C-alpha atoms as a PDB file:
ATOM      1  CA  MET A   1     -66.694  32.196 -29.479  1.00  0.00           C
ATOM      2  CA  ASP A   2     -65.668  34.684 -32.390  1.00  0.00           C
ATOM      3  CA  LEU A   3     -62.348  34.391 -34.029  1.00  0.00           C
ATOM      4  CA  LEU A   4     -62.262  38.398 -34.177  1.00  0.00           C
ATOM      5  CA  ASP A   5     -61.863  38.170 -30.445  1.00  0.00           C
ATOM      6  CA  TRP A   6     -58.018  37.202 -30.866  1.00  0.00           C
ATOM      7  CA  HIS A   7     -57.621  39.925 -33.302  1.00  0.00           C
ATOM      8  CA  ARG A   8     -59.331  42.608 -30.803  1.00  0.00           C
ATOM      9  CA  GLU A   9     -57.051  41.137 -28.216  1.00  0.00           C
ATOM     10  CA  ARG A  10     -59.981  39.753 -25.844  1.00  0.00           C
ATOM     11  CA  LEU A  11     -58.790  36.369 -26.631  1.00  0.00           C
ATOM     12  CA  SER A  12     -55.065  35.055 -25.799  1.00  0.00           C
ATOM     13  CA  SER A  13     -53.011  32.831 -28.402  1.00  0.00           C
ATOM     14  CA  ARG A  14     -52.816  30.623 -25.740  1.00  0.00           C
ATOM     15  CA  ARG A  15     -56.217  30.104 -25.336  1.00  0.00           C
ATOM     16  CA  LEU A  16     -56.858  29.953 -28.921  1.00  0.00           C
ATOM     17  CA  SER A  17     -54.340  27.184 -29.325  1.00  0.00           C
ATOM     18  CA  VAL A  18     -55.853  25.543 -26.382  1.00  0.00           C
ATOM     19  CA  LEU A  19     -59.539  25.282 -28.061  1.00  0.00           C
ATOM     20  CA  ILE A  20     -57.864  24.594 -31.456  1.00  0.00           C
ATOM     21  CA  GLN A  21     -56.266  21.427 -29.854  1.00  0.00           C
ATOM     22  CA  GLN A  22     -59.268  20.601 -28.163  1.00  0.00           C
ATOM     23  CA  LEU A  23     -61.640  20.322 -31.388  1.00  0.00           C
ATOM     24  CA  PRO A  24     -63.571  17.101 -31.579  1.00  0.00           C
ATOM     25  CA  ARG A  25     -62.165  14.139 -33.628  1.00  0.00           C
ATOM     26  CA  ASP A  26     -64.906  14.804 -36.450  1.00  0.00           C
ATOM     27  CA  SER A  27     -64.121  18.728 -36.462  1.00  0.00           C
ATOM     28  CA  ALA A  28     -64.326  20.552 -39.852  1.00  0.00           C
ATOM     29  CA  LEU A  29     -60.461  21.491 -39.078  1.00  0.00           C
ATOM     30  CA  ASN A  30     -59.372  18.106 -38.111  1.00  0.00           C
ATOM     31  CA  ARG A  31     -61.272  16.623 -41.719  1.00  0.00           C
ATOM     32  CA  ASP A  32     -59.435  19.245 -43.513  1.00  0.00           C
ATOM     33  CA  LEU A  33     -56.249  18.557 -42.210  1.00  0.00           C
ATOM     34  CA  TYR A  34     -56.138  14.858 -41.859  1.00  0.00           C
ATOM     35  CA  GLY A  35     -59.121  13.991 -44.300  1.00  0.00           C
ATOM     36  CA  GLU A  36     -61.086  10.562 -43.751  1.00  0.00           C
ATOM     37  CA  ALA A  37     -58.485   9.728 -41.721  1.00  0.00           C
ATOM     38  CA  ALA A  38     -59.828  12.007 -38.804  1.00  0.00           C
ATOM     39  CA  ASP A  39     -62.906   9.601 -38.741  1.00  0.00           C
ATOM     40  CA  TRP A  40     -61.346   6.224 -37.619  1.00  0.00           C
ATOM     41  CA  SER A  41     -60.312   5.966 -33.872  1.00  0.00           C
ATOM     42  CA  VAL A  42     -57.515   4.187 -32.320  1.00  0.00           C
ATOM     43  CA  THR A  43     -60.663   1.346 -31.609  1.00  0.00           C
ATOM     44  CA  ASP A  44     -61.507   1.391 -35.546  1.00  0.00           C
ATOM     45  CA  HIS A  45     -57.739   0.877 -36.404  1.00  0.00           C
ATOM     46  CA  LEU A  46     -57.381  -2.161 -33.864  1.00  0.00           C
ATOM     47  CA  LEU A  47     -60.662  -3.735 -34.973  1.00  0.00           C
ATOM     48  CA  ALA A  48     -59.692  -3.387 -38.565  1.00  0.00           C
ATOM     49  CA  ALA A  49     -56.404  -5.172 -37.739  1.00  0.00           C
ATOM     50  CA  ALA A  50     -58.173  -7.801 -35.702  1.00  0.00           C
ATOM     51  CA  VAL A  51     -60.576  -8.541 -38.935  1.00  0.00           C
ATOM     52  CA  ASP A  52     -57.502  -8.688 -40.813  1.00  0.00           C
ATOM     53  CA  HIS A  53     -55.613 -11.524 -38.889  1.00  0.00           C
ATOM     54  CA  LEU A  54     -58.657 -13.565 -38.365  1.00  0.00           C
ATOM     55  CA  ALA A  55     -59.059 -13.483 -42.190  1.00  0.00           C
ATOM     56  CA  ALA A  56     -55.477 -14.693 -42.682  1.00  0.00           C
ATOM     57  CA  ALA A  57     -56.145 -17.368 -39.921  1.00  0.00           C
ATOM     58  CA  ASN A  58     -59.361 -18.797 -41.599  1.00  0.00           C
ATOM     59  CA  TRP A  59     -57.358 -18.623 -45.403  1.00  0.00           C
ATOM     60  CA  MET A  60     -54.412 -20.650 -43.609  1.00  0.00           C
ATOM     61  CA  PHE A  61     -56.624 -22.984 -42.236  1.00  0.00           C
ATOM     62  CA  ALA A  62     -58.577 -23.673 -45.534  1.00  0.00           C
ATOM     63  CA  THR A  63     -55.195 -23.458 -47.347  1.00  0.00           C
ATOM     64  CA  VAL A  64     -53.665 -26.376 -45.183  1.00  0.00           C
ATOM     65  CA  ASN A  65     -57.162 -28.224 -45.176  1.00  0.00           C
ATOM     66  CA  SER A  66     -57.548 -28.242 -48.978  1.00  0.00           C
ATOM     67  CA  ASP A  67     -56.004 -29.876 -52.347  1.00  0.00           C
ATOM     68  CA  GLU A  68     -52.880 -28.356 -53.616  1.00  0.00           C
ATOM     69  CA  ASN A  69     -54.948 -27.786 -56.755  1.00  0.00           C
ATOM     70  CA  ASP A  70     -57.996 -26.197 -55.007  1.00  0.00           C
ATOM     71  CA  GLN A  71     -56.233 -23.291 -53.071  1.00  0.00           C
ATOM     72  CA  PRO A  72     -58.086 -20.415 -51.871  1.00  0.00           C
ATOM     73  CA  GLU A  73     -57.179 -16.944 -52.326  1.00  0.00           C
ATOM     74  CA  PRO A  74     -55.418 -15.152 -49.863  1.00  0.00           C
ATOM     75  CA  PRO A  75     -57.977 -12.497 -48.160  1.00  0.00           C
ATOM     76  CA  ALA A  76     -57.986  -8.957 -49.087  1.00  0.00           C
ATOM     77  CA  PRO A  77     -57.181  -6.669 -45.969  1.00  0.00           C
ATOM     78  CA  VAL A  78     -59.838  -4.197 -44.777  1.00  0.00           C
ATOM     79  CA  PRO A  79     -59.778  -1.008 -46.745  1.00  0.00           C
ATOM     80  CA  ARG A  80     -58.120   2.049 -45.002  1.00  0.00           C
ATOM     81  CA  PRO A  81     -58.566   5.560 -44.539  1.00  0.00           C
ATOM     82  CA  GLY A  82     -55.587   7.159 -46.840  1.00  0.00           C
ATOM     83  CA  ASP A  83     -54.596   4.051 -48.414  1.00  0.00           C
ATOM     84  CA  GLY A  84     -56.077   4.159 -51.949  1.00  0.00           C
ATOM     85  CA  SER A  85     -54.368   0.996 -53.225  1.00  0.00           C
ATOM     86  CA  ARG A  86     -56.518  -0.900 -50.875  1.00  0.00           C
ATOM     87  CA  GLU A  87     -60.322  -1.189 -52.275  1.00  0.00           C
ATOM     88  CA  PRO A  88     -62.764  -2.811 -50.957  1.00  0.00           C
ATOM     89  CA  VAL A  89     -63.308  -6.313 -52.974  1.00  0.00           C
ATOM     90  CA  ASP A  90     -66.978  -7.411 -53.701  1.00  0.00           C
ATOM     91  CA  THR A  91     -66.486 -10.984 -52.824  1.00  0.00           C
ATOM     92  CA  ASP A  92     -69.868 -11.923 -54.518  1.00  0.00           C
ATOM     93  CA  ALA A  93     -68.657 -10.537 -58.203  1.00  0.00           C
ATOM     94  CA  ALA A  94     -65.434 -12.032 -58.081  1.00  0.00           C
ATOM     95  CA  ALA A  95     -66.298 -15.848 -56.994  1.00  0.00           C
ATOM     96  CA  PRO A  96     -67.375 -17.902 -59.514  1.00  0.00           C
ATOM     97  CA  GLU A  97     -70.697 -19.803 -59.440  1.00  0.00           C
ATOM     98  CA  GLY A  98     -71.310 -23.382 -58.737  1.00  0.00           C
ATOM     99  CA  GLY A  99     -69.173 -25.994 -56.685  1.00  0.00           C
ATOM    100  CA  PRO A 100     -67.615 -29.509 -56.901  1.00  0.00           C
ATOM    101  CA  GLU A 101     -70.113 -32.129 -57.667  1.00  0.00           C
ATOM    102  CA  ASP A 102     -69.102 -33.998 -54.093  1.00  0.00           C
ATOM    103  CA  GLY A 103     -70.921 -31.441 -51.720  1.00  0.00           C
ATOM    104  CA  SER A 104     -67.766 -29.456 -50.582  1.00  0.00           C
ATOM    105  CA  PRO A 105     -68.699 -25.458 -50.804  1.00  0.00           C
ATOM    106  CA  SER A 106     -68.489 -23.317 -53.841  1.00  0.00           C
ATOM    107  CA  ALA A 107     -66.003 -20.610 -54.369  1.00  0.00           C
ATOM    108  CA  ARG A 108     -68.366 -18.089 -53.772  1.00  0.00           C
ATOM    109  CA  GLU A 109     -69.481 -19.782 -50.270  1.00  0.00           C
ATOM    110  CA  LEU A 110     -65.668 -19.740 -48.997  1.00  0.00           C
ATOM    111  CA  ALA A 111     -65.398 -16.245 -50.278  1.00  0.00           C
ATOM    112  CA  ARG A 112     -68.539 -15.435 -48.272  1.00  0.00           C
ATOM    113  CA  PHE A 113     -66.979 -17.549 -45.298  1.00  0.00           C
ATOM    114  CA  PHE A 114     -63.402 -16.168 -45.173  1.00  0.00           C
ATOM    115  CA  GLY A 115     -64.517 -12.362 -46.217  1.00  0.00           C
END
């Protein structure tokens, strides 16, 4: 399809509007208009929300069942498109090595499990 057909009056404005509205989510126009948010579908957003809620539930469980001195850090939410404030956290680099001598998991193992 040639967009010059609209100027040549071979393509109506209504037909051009319908064609533009029905472009795929990953089209160049949608990426230009919406940025990386065009790559995320409703399913992707729901899956990210489910992961965030599961991580929060695991964190709450670990917090309730741990000493007051050894409270785990709250989980970081899954980064979403267009939200520059949320950057992925490298849990392996953030967690210190080693664990208590009594056989309980180290901070790195907890971060890997709950992250």
